[in-house]
Amino acid sequence: MGLRIEAITWLETIIEKLARKHAVSVDEVEELLSGPARFRRVERGHRRGEDVYAAFGRTRGGRRLIVFFVYKPRTREALIVSAREPSPKERNL
């Protein structure tokens, strides 16, 4: 699935949580979303058309990440919800 992401929106609380809980940086997430990531819809959003997606991929440094975001098709914007290293099961999706 090819989503066209033209903007990434961050909430300060999410940035802090990713750094503290998962040791994931803003740069790593943005790098993954701008590169050859695989996308999968994981659930319907609360607003029509704004669904939650997961992006799977590796950073240039080789770190595997899974990034969860709400995709807003009208503005082609990704609102970051979470990011972390994938579980062994998720690596095979």
PDB file of N, CA and C in Angstrom:
ATOM      1  N   MET A   1       0.848  -1.169   0.000  1.00  0.00           N
ATOM      2  CA  MET A   1       0.000   0.000   0.000  1.00  0.00           C
ATOM      3  C   MET A   1       0.891   1.229   0.000  1.00  0.00           C
ATOM      4  N   GLY A   2       0.689   2.119  -0.936  1.00  0.00           N
ATOM      5  CA  GLY A   2       1.512   3.310  -1.014  1.00  0.00           C
ATOM      6  C   GLY A   2       0.773   4.538  -0.529  1.00  0.00           C
ATOM      7  N   LEU A   3       1.060   4.954   0.669  1.00  0.00           N
ATOM      8  CA  LEU A   3       0.489   6.192   1.183  1.00  0.00           C
ATOM      9  C   LEU A   3       1.433   7.329   0.819  1.00  0.00           C
ATOM     10  N   ARG A   4       0.861   8.426   0.468  1.00  0.00           N
ATOM     11  CA  ARG A   4       1.676   9.595   0.139  1.00  0.00           C
ATOM     12  C   ARG A   4       1.634  10.550   1.326  1.00  0.00           C
ATOM     13  N   ILE A   5       2.707  10.569   2.092  1.00  0.00           N
ATOM     14  CA  ILE A   5       2.786  11.428   3.272  1.00  0.00           C
ATOM     15  C   ILE A   5       3.565  12.680   2.907  1.00  0.00           C
ATOM     16  N   GLU A   6       2.900  13.823   3.043  1.00  0.00           N
ATOM     17  CA  GLU A   6       3.538  15.096   2.711  1.00  0.00           C
ATOM     18  C   GLU A   6       3.871  15.925   3.939  1.00  0.00           C
ATOM     19  N   ALA A   7       3.300  15.545   5.097  1.00  0.00           N
ATOM     20  CA  ALA A   7       3.572  16.280   6.335  1.00  0.00           C
ATOM     21  C   ALA A   7       3.466  15.306   7.506  1.00  0.00           C
ATOM     22  N   ILE A   8       4.266  15.558   8.519  1.00  0.00           N
ATOM     23  CA  ILE A   8       4.237  14.754   9.734  1.00  0.00           C
ATOM     24  C   ILE A   8       3.943  15.695  10.893  1.00  0.00           C
ATOM     25  N   THR A   9       2.929  15.332  11.682  1.00  0.00           N
ATOM     26  CA  THR A   9       2.537  16.147  12.825  1.00  0.00           C
ATOM     27  C   THR A   9       2.920  15.425  14.110  1.00  0.00           C
ATOM     28  N   TRP A  10       3.508  16.185  15.013  1.00  0.00           N
ATOM     29  CA  TRP A  10       3.965  15.650  16.299  1.00  0.00           C
ATOM     30  C   TRP A  10       3.269  16.357  17.451  1.00  0.00           C
ATOM     31  N   LEU A  11       2.899  15.591  18.455  1.00  0.00           N
ATOM     32  CA  LEU A  11       2.464  16.163  19.727  1.00  0.00           C
ATOM     33  C   LEU A  11       3.641  16.041  20.688  1.00  0.00           C
ATOM     34  N   GLU A  12       3.879  17.073  21.473  1.00  0.00           N
ATOM     35  CA  GLU A  12       5.027  17.078  22.389  1.00  0.00           C
ATOM     36  C   GLU A  12       4.994  15.881  23.336  1.00  0.00           C
ATOM     37  N   THR A  13       3.810  15.491  23.790  1.00  0.00           N
ATOM     38  CA  THR A  13       3.707  14.347  24.710  1.00  0.00           C
ATOM     39  C   THR A  13       4.157  13.047  24.044  1.00  0.00           C
ATOM     40  N   ILE A  14       3.905  12.914  22.745  1.00  0.00           N
ATOM     41  CA  ILE A  14       4.319  11.712  22.009  1.00  0.00           C
ATOM     42  C   ILE A  14       5.836  11.710  21.837  1.00  0.00           C
ATOM     43  N   ILE A  15       6.405  12.846  21.513  1.00  0.00           N
ATOM     44  CA  ILE A  15       7.863  12.944  21.357  1.00  0.00           C
ATOM     45  C   ILE A  15       8.549  12.511  22.651  1.00  0.00           C
ATOM     46  N   GLU A  16       8.052  13.025  23.759  1.00  0.00           N
ATOM     47  CA  GLU A  16       8.637  12.688  25.063  1.00  0.00           C
ATOM     48  C   GLU A  16       8.470  11.203  25.386  1.00  0.00           C
ATOM     49  N   LYS A  17       7.286  10.653  25.106  1.00  0.00           N
ATOM     50  CA  LYS A  17       7.035   9.232  25.391  1.00  0.00           C
ATOM     51  C   LYS A  17       7.947   8.340  24.558  1.00  0.00           C
ATOM     52  N   LEU A  18       8.094   8.654  23.275  1.00  0.00           N
ATOM     53  CA  LEU A  18       8.934   7.824  22.411  1.00  0.00           C
ATOM     54  C   LEU A  18      10.385   7.832  22.874  1.00  0.00           C
ATOM     55  N   ALA A  19      10.870   8.986  23.291  1.00  0.00           N
ATOM     56  CA  ALA A  19      12.251   9.076  23.764  1.00  0.00           C
ATOM     57  C   ALA A  19      12.422   8.325  25.088  1.00  0.00           C
ATOM     58  N   ARG A  20      11.508   8.533  26.009  1.00  0.00           N
ATOM     59  CA  ARG A  20      11.615   7.958  27.350  1.00  0.00           C
ATOM     60  C   ARG A  20      11.339   6.455  27.374  1.00  0.00           C
ATOM     61  N   LYS A  21      10.261   6.045  26.749  1.00  0.00           N
ATOM     62  CA  LYS A  21       9.807   4.661  26.856  1.00  0.00           C
ATOM     63  C   LYS A  21      10.423   3.733  25.809  1.00  0.00           C
ATOM     64  N   HIS A  22      10.640   4.237  24.600  1.00  0.00           N
ATOM     65  CA  HIS A  22      11.079   3.379  23.499  1.00  0.00           C
ATOM     66  C   HIS A  22      12.445   3.758  22.913  1.00  0.00           C
ATOM     67  N   ALA A  23      13.035   4.840  23.398  1.00  0.00           N
ATOM     68  CA  ALA A  23      14.330   5.324  22.886  1.00  0.00           C
ATOM     69  C   ALA A  23      14.310   5.505  21.367  1.00  0.00           C
ATOM     70  N   VAL A  24      13.216   6.089  20.878  1.00  0.00           N
ATOM     71  CA  VAL A  24      13.048   6.366  19.450  1.00  0.00           C
ATOM     72  C   VAL A  24      13.038   7.882  19.264  1.00  0.00           C
ATOM     73  N   SER A  25      13.785   8.362  18.289  1.00  0.00           N
ATOM     74  CA  SER A  25      13.873   9.804  18.045  1.00  0.00           C
ATOM     75  C   SER A  25      12.942  10.243  16.913  1.00  0.00           C
ATOM     76  N   VAL A  26      12.667  11.527  16.897  1.00  0.00           N
ATOM     77  CA  VAL A  26      11.887  12.134  15.817  1.00  0.00           C
ATOM     78  C   VAL A  26      12.567  11.868  14.476  1.00  0.00           C
ATOM     79  N   ASP A  27      13.878  12.026  14.434  1.00  0.00           N
ATOM     80  CA  ASP A  27      14.627  11.812  13.184  1.00  0.00           C
ATOM     81  C   ASP A  27      14.455  10.390  12.656  1.00  0.00           C
ATOM     82  N   GLU A  28      14.483   9.388  13.553  1.00  0.00           N
ATOM     83  CA  GLU A  28      14.321   7.999  13.114  1.00  0.00           C
ATOM     84  C   GLU A  28      12.943   7.772  12.502  1.00  0.00           C
ATOM     85  N   VAL A  29      11.911   8.313  13.134  1.00  0.00           N
ATOM     86  CA  VAL A  29      10.547   8.144  12.619  1.00  0.00           C
ATOM     87  C   VAL A  29      10.406   8.820  11.268  1.00  0.00           C
ATOM     88  N   GLU A  30      10.883  10.051  11.155  1.00  0.00           N
ATOM     89  CA  GLU A  30      10.758  10.778   9.897  1.00  0.00           C
ATOM     90  C   GLU A  30      11.575  10.116   8.790  1.00  0.00           C
ATOM     91  N   GLU A  31      12.725   9.573   9.137  1.00  0.00           N
ATOM     92  CA  GLU A  31      13.547   8.847   8.169  1.00  0.00           C
ATOM     93  C   GLU A  31      12.806   7.613   7.651  1.00  0.00           C
ATOM     94  N   LEU A  32      12.196   6.871   8.572  1.00  0.00           N
ATOM     95  CA  LEU A  32      11.478   5.662   8.171  1.00  0.00           C
ATOM     96  C   LEU A  32      10.290   6.002   7.258  1.00  0.00           C
ATOM     97  N   LEU A  33       9.527   7.031   7.622  1.00  0.00           N
ATOM     98  CA  LEU A  33       8.343   7.389   6.832  1.00  0.00           C
ATOM     99  C   LEU A  33       8.693   7.976   5.466  1.00  0.00           C
ATOM    100  N   SER A  34       9.888   8.512   5.321  1.00  0.00           N
ATOM    101  CA  SER A  34      10.270   9.087   4.028  1.00  0.00           C
ATOM    102  C   SER A  34      11.011   8.082   3.153  1.00  0.00           C
ATOM    103  N   GLY A  35      11.290   6.906   3.691  1.00  0.00           N
ATOM    104  CA  GLY A  35      12.019   5.886   2.939  1.00  0.00           C
ATOM    105  C   GLY A  35      11.114   4.770   2.455  1.00  0.00           C
ATOM    106  N   PRO A  36      11.708   3.634   2.154  1.00  0.00           N
ATOM    107  CA  PRO A  36      10.935   2.498   1.621  1.00  0.00           C
ATOM    108  C   PRO A  36      10.256   1.660   2.713  1.00  0.00           C
ATOM    109  N   ALA A  37       9.329   2.252   3.422  1.00  0.00           N
ATOM    110  CA  ALA A  37       8.599   1.535   4.471  1.00  0.00           C
ATOM    111  C   ALA A  37       7.425   0.758   3.875  1.00  0.00           C
ATOM    112  N   ARG A  38       6.995  -0.271   4.601  1.00  0.00           N
ATOM    113  CA  ARG A  38       5.771  -1.009   4.248  1.00  0.00           C
ATOM    114  C   ARG A  38       4.657  -0.494   5.143  1.00  0.00           C
ATOM    115  N   PHE A  39       3.478  -0.267   4.570  1.00  0.00           N
ATOM    116  CA  PHE A  39       2.350   0.277   5.317  1.00  0.00           C
ATOM    117  C   PHE A  39       1.224  -0.744   5.416  1.00  0.00           C
ATOM    118  N   ARG A  40       0.544  -0.709   6.559  1.00  0.00           N
ATOM    119  CA  ARG A  40      -0.608  -1.581   6.765  1.00  0.00           C
ATOM    120  C   ARG A  40      -1.632  -0.852   7.627  1.00  0.00           C
ATOM    121  N   ARG A  41      -2.891  -0.882   7.206  1.00  0.00           N
ATOM    122  CA  ARG A  41      -3.943  -0.289   8.028  1.00  0.00           C
ATOM    123  C   ARG A  41      -4.196  -1.222   9.204  1.00  0.00           C
ATOM    124  N   VAL A  42      -4.209  -0.670  10.417  1.00  0.00           N
ATOM    125  CA  VAL A  42      -4.401  -1.506  11.593  1.00  0.00           C
ATOM    126  C   VAL A  42      -5.766  -1.325  12.248  1.00  0.00           C
ATOM    127  N   GLU A  43      -6.387  -0.172  12.061  1.00  0.00           N
ATOM    128  CA  GLU A  43      -7.748   0.007  12.568  1.00  0.00           C
ATOM    129  C   GLU A  43      -8.385   1.257  11.972  1.00  0.00           C
ATOM    130  N   ARG A  44      -9.697   1.266  12.025  1.00  0.00           N
ATOM    131  CA  ARG A  44     -10.429   2.448  11.572  1.00  0.00           C
ATOM    132  C   ARG A  44     -10.247   3.576  12.558  1.00  0.00           C
ATOM    133  N   GLY A  45     -10.152   4.762  12.016  1.00  0.00           N
ATOM    134  CA  GLY A  45     -10.017   5.937  12.876  1.00  0.00           C
ATOM    135  C   GLY A  45     -11.353   6.372  13.433  1.00  0.00           C
ATOM    136  N   HIS A  46     -11.314   7.304  14.371  1.00  0.00           N
ATOM    137  CA  HIS A  46     -12.537   7.832  14.965  1.00  0.00           C
ATOM    138  C   HIS A  46     -13.267   8.773  14.003  1.00  0.00           C
ATOM    139  N   ARG A  47     -12.521   9.342  13.071  1.00  0.00           N
ATOM    140  CA  ARG A  47     -13.121  10.201  12.046  1.00  0.00           C
ATOM    141  C   ARG A  47     -13.101   9.460  10.725  1.00  0.00           C
ATOM    142  N   ARG A  48     -14.135   9.617   9.974  1.00  0.00           N
ATOM    143  CA  ARG A  48     -14.249   8.930   8.685  1.00  0.00           C
ATOM    144  C   ARG A  48     -13.041   9.228   7.794  1.00  0.00           C
ATOM    145  N   GLY A  49     -12.419   8.168   7.305  1.00  0.00           N
ATOM    146  CA  GLY A  49     -11.288   8.304   6.399  1.00  0.00           C
ATOM    147  C   GLY A  49      -9.943   8.487   7.075  1.00  0.00           C
ATOM    148  N   GLU A  50      -9.934   8.769   8.369  1.00  0.00           N
ATOM    149  CA  GLU A  50      -8.681   8.982   9.089  1.00  0.00           C
ATOM    150  C   GLU A  50      -8.356   7.727   9.891  1.00  0.00           C
ATOM    151  N   ASP A  51      -7.769   6.754   9.218  1.00  0.00           N
ATOM    152  CA  ASP A  51      -7.488   5.458   9.825  1.00  0.00           C
ATOM    153  C   ASP A  51      -6.098   5.415  10.435  1.00  0.00           C
ATOM    154  N   VAL A  52      -5.897   4.414  11.307  1.00  0.00           N
ATOM    155  CA  VAL A  52      -4.599   4.210  11.941  1.00  0.00           C
ATOM    156  C   VAL A  52      -3.806   3.204  11.111  1.00  0.00           C
ATOM    157  N   TYR A  53      -2.574   3.564  10.807  1.00  0.00           N
ATOM    158  CA  TYR A  53      -1.684   2.729  10.005  1.00  0.00           C
ATOM    159  C   TYR A  53      -0.419   2.408  10.784  1.00  0.00           C
ATOM    160  N   ALA A  54       0.223   1.336  10.369  1.00  0.00           N
ATOM    161  CA  ALA A  54       1.547   0.985  10.872  1.00  0.00           C
ATOM    162  C   ALA A  54       2.505   1.019   9.694  1.00  0.00           C
ATOM    163  N   ALA A  55       3.671   1.593   9.914  1.00  0.00           N
ATOM    164  CA  ALA A  55       4.740   1.591   8.917  1.00  0.00           C
ATOM    165  C   ALA A  55       5.876   0.743   9.475  1.00  0.00           C
ATOM    166  N   PHE A  56       6.335  -0.211   8.673  1.00  0.00           N
ATOM    167  CA  PHE A  56       7.413  -1.110   9.065  1.00  0.00           C
ATOM    168  C   PHE A  56       8.628  -0.815   8.205  1.00  0.00           C
ATOM    169  N   GLY A  57       9.801  -0.765   8.830  1.00  0.00           N
ATOM    170  CA  GLY A  57      11.003  -0.557   8.037  1.00  0.00           C
ATOM    171  C   GLY A  57      12.242  -0.461   8.899  1.00  0.00           C
ATOM    172  N   ARG A  58      13.322  -0.034   8.250  1.00  0.00           N
ATOM    173  CA  ARG A  58      14.612   0.117   8.923  1.00  0.00           C
ATOM    174  C   ARG A  58      15.132   1.535   8.702  1.00  0.00           C
ATOM    175  N   THR A  59      15.827   2.019   9.690  1.00  0.00           N
ATOM    176  CA  THR A  59      16.505   3.302   9.540  1.00  0.00           C
ATOM    177  C   THR A  59      17.787   3.072   8.730  1.00  0.00           C
ATOM    178  N   ARG A  60      18.424   4.156   8.318  1.00  0.00           N
ATOM    179  CA  ARG A  60      19.700   4.019   7.597  1.00  0.00           C
ATOM    180  C   ARG A  60      20.745   3.312   8.457  1.00  0.00           C
ATOM    181  N   GLY A  61      20.613   3.427   9.777  1.00  0.00           N
ATOM    182  CA  GLY A  61      21.521   2.750  10.687  1.00  0.00           C
ATOM    183  C   GLY A  61      21.198   1.276  10.889  1.00  0.00           C
ATOM    184  N   GLY A  62      20.095   0.813  10.261  1.00  0.00           N
ATOM    185  CA  GLY A  62      19.720  -0.592  10.334  1.00  0.00           C
ATOM    186  C   GLY A  62      18.749  -0.950  11.442  1.00  0.00           C
ATOM    187  N   ARG A  63      18.314   0.020  12.221  1.00  0.00           N
ATOM    188  CA  ARG A  63      17.371  -0.257  13.306  1.00  0.00           C
ATOM    189  C   ARG A  63      15.973  -0.507  12.746  1.00  0.00           C
ATOM    190  N   ARG A  64      15.368  -1.611  13.164  1.00  0.00           N
ATOM    191  CA  ARG A  64      13.993  -1.907  12.762  1.00  0.00           C
ATOM    192  C   ARG A  64      13.037  -1.116  13.640  1.00  0.00           C
ATOM    193  N   LEU A  65      12.024  -0.528  12.988  1.00  0.00           N
ATOM    194  CA  LEU A  65      11.006   0.219  13.722  1.00  0.00           C
ATOM    195  C   LEU A  65       9.634  -0.072  13.155  1.00  0.00           C
ATOM    196  N   ILE A  66       8.638   0.088  14.009  1.00  0.00           N
ATOM    197  CA  ILE A  66       7.246   0.114  13.586  1.00  0.00           C
ATOM    198  C   ILE A  66       6.689   1.444  14.099  1.00  0.00           C
ATOM    199  N   VAL A  67       6.071   2.192  13.210  1.00  0.00           N
ATOM    200  CA  VAL A  67       5.536   3.509  13.535  1.00  0.00           C
ATOM    201  C   VAL A  67       4.026   3.476  13.332  1.00  0.00           C
ATOM    202  N   PHE A  68       3.283   3.892  14.346  1.00  0.00           N
ATOM    203  CA  PHE A  68       1.826   3.959  14.254  1.00  0.00           C
ATOM    204  C   PHE A  68       1.422   5.414  14.083  1.00  0.00           C
ATOM    205  N   PHE A  69       0.499   5.652  13.146  1.00  0.00           N
ATOM    206  CA  PHE A  69       0.076   7.024  12.878  1.00  0.00           C
ATOM    207  C   PHE A  69      -1.335   7.052  12.322  1.00  0.00           C
ATOM    208  N   VAL A  70      -1.987   8.198  12.497  1.00  0.00           N
ATOM    209  CA  VAL A  70      -3.288   8.462  11.883  1.00  0.00           C
ATOM    210  C   VAL A  70      -2.998   9.160  10.566  1.00  0.00           C
ATOM    211  N   TYR A  71      -3.529   8.592   9.477  1.00  0.00           N
ATOM    212  CA  TYR A  71      -3.321   9.185   8.159  1.00  0.00           C
ATOM    213  C   TYR A  71      -4.522  10.035   7.798  1.00  0.00           C
ATOM    214  N   LYS A  72      -4.257  11.288   7.439  1.00  0.00           N
ATOM    215  CA  LYS A  72      -5.307  12.229   7.046  1.00  0.00           C
ATOM    216  C   LYS A  72      -5.199  12.430   5.535  1.00  0.00           C
ATOM    217  N   PRO A  73      -6.007  11.692   4.766  1.00  0.00           N
ATOM    218  CA  PRO A  73      -5.837  11.710   3.302  1.00  0.00           C
ATOM    219  C   PRO A  73      -6.062  13.071   2.649  1.00  0.00           C
ATOM    220  N   ARG A  74      -6.919  13.884   3.230  1.00  0.00           N
ATOM    221  CA  ARG A  74      -7.201  15.189   2.626  1.00  0.00           C
ATOM    222  C   ARG A  74      -5.947  16.065   2.585  1.00  0.00           C
ATOM    223  N   THR A  75      -5.153  16.004   3.665  1.00  0.00           N
ATOM    224  CA  THR A  75      -3.943  16.823   3.744  1.00  0.00           C
ATOM    225  C   THR A  75      -2.669  16.001   3.549  1.00  0.00           C
ATOM    226  N   ARG A  76      -2.836  14.660   3.407  1.00  0.00           N
ATOM    227  CA  ARG A  76      -1.702  13.727   3.270  1.00  0.00           C
ATOM    228  C   ARG A  76      -0.735  13.862   4.448  1.00  0.00           C
ATOM    229  N   GLU A  77      -1.347  13.981   5.620  1.00  0.00           N
ATOM    230  CA  GLU A  77      -0.598  14.207   6.855  1.00  0.00           C
ATOM    231  C   GLU A  77      -0.611  12.955   7.724  1.00  0.00           C
ATOM    232  N   ALA A  78       0.501  12.701   8.395  1.00  0.00           N
ATOM    233  CA  ALA A  78       0.604  11.597   9.349  1.00  0.00           C
ATOM    234  C   ALA A  78       0.732  12.190  10.748  1.00  0.00           C
ATOM    235  N   LEU A  79      -0.220  11.870  11.620  1.00  0.00           N
ATOM    236  CA  LEU A  79      -0.175  12.277  13.021  1.00  0.00           C
ATOM    237  C   LEU A  79       0.413  11.097  13.789  1.00  0.00           C
ATOM    238  N   ILE A  80       1.605  11.255  14.306  1.00  0.00           N
ATOM    239  CA  ILE A  80       2.302  10.152  14.959  1.00  0.00           C
ATOM    240  C   ILE A  80       1.626   9.822  16.284  1.00  0.00           C
ATOM    241  N   VAL A  81       1.403   8.515  16.489  1.00  0.00           N
ATOM    242  CA  VAL A  81       0.775   8.014  17.709  1.00  0.00           C
ATOM    243  C   VAL A  81       1.796   7.287  18.575  1.00  0.00           C
ATOM    244  N   SER A  82       2.654   6.481  17.943  1.00  0.00           N
ATOM    245  CA  SER A  82       3.668   5.733  18.675  1.00  0.00           C
ATOM    246  C   SER A  82       4.715   5.201  17.699  1.00  0.00           C
ATOM    247  N   ALA A  83       5.840   4.779  18.244  1.00  0.00           N
ATOM    248  CA  ALA A  83       6.893   4.143  17.454  1.00  0.00           C
ATOM    249  C   ALA A  83       7.753   3.329  18.404  1.00  0.00           C
ATOM    250  N   ARG A  84       8.181   2.167  17.937  1.00  0.00           N
ATOM    251  CA  ARG A  84       8.989   1.280  18.778  1.00  0.00           C
ATOM    252  C   ARG A  84       9.636   0.222  17.901  1.00  0.00           C
ATOM    253  N   GLU A  85      10.482  -0.599  18.515  1.00  0.00           N
ATOM    254  CA  GLU A  85      11.031  -1.742  17.795  1.00  0.00           C
ATOM    255  C   GLU A  85       9.931  -2.799  17.698  1.00  0.00           C
ATOM    256  N   PRO A  86       9.788  -3.452  16.559  1.00  0.00           N
ATOM    257  CA  PRO A  86       8.724  -4.454  16.408  1.00  0.00           C
ATOM    258  C   PRO A  86       9.035  -5.717  17.203  1.00  0.00           C
ATOM    259  N   SER A  87       7.964  -6.388  17.610  1.00  0.00           N
ATOM    260  CA  SER A  87       8.119  -7.686  18.274  1.00  0.00           C
ATOM    261  C   SER A  87       8.576  -8.700  17.235  1.00  0.00           C
ATOM    262  N   PRO A  88       9.075  -9.850  17.662  1.00  0.00           N
ATOM    263  CA  PRO A  88       9.481 -10.881  16.689  1.00  0.00           C
ATOM    264  C   PRO A  88       8.336 -11.266  15.728  1.00  0.00           C
ATOM    265  N   LYS A  89       7.123 -11.332  16.225  1.00  0.00           N
ATOM    266  CA  LYS A  89       5.965 -11.670  15.382  1.00  0.00           C
ATOM    267  C   LYS A  89       5.712 -10.563  14.345  1.00  0.00           C
ATOM    268  N   GLU A  90       5.817  -9.295  14.778  1.00  0.00           N
ATOM    269  CA  GLU A  90       5.576  -8.171  13.874  1.00  0.00           C
ATOM    270  C   GLU A  90       6.625  -8.077  12.774  1.00  0.00           C
ATOM    271  N   ARG A  91       7.814  -8.559  13.009  1.00  0.00           N
ATOM    272  CA  ARG A  91       8.874  -8.502  11.994  1.00  0.00           C
ATOM    273  C   ARG A  91       8.513  -9.315  10.756  1.00  0.00           C
ATOM    274  N   ASN A  92       7.638 -10.292  10.916  1.00  0.00           N
ATOM    275  CA  ASN A  92       7.261 -11.171   9.803  1.00  0.00           C
ATOM    276  C   ASN A  92       5.993 -10.720   9.084  1.00  0.00           C
ATOM    277  N   LEU A  93       5.418  -9.596   9.481  1.00  0.00           N
ATOM    278  CA  LEU A  93       4.182  -9.131   8.831  1.00  0.00           C
ATOM    279  C   LEU A  93       4.473  -8.518   7.486  1.00  0.00           C
TER     280      LEU A  93
END
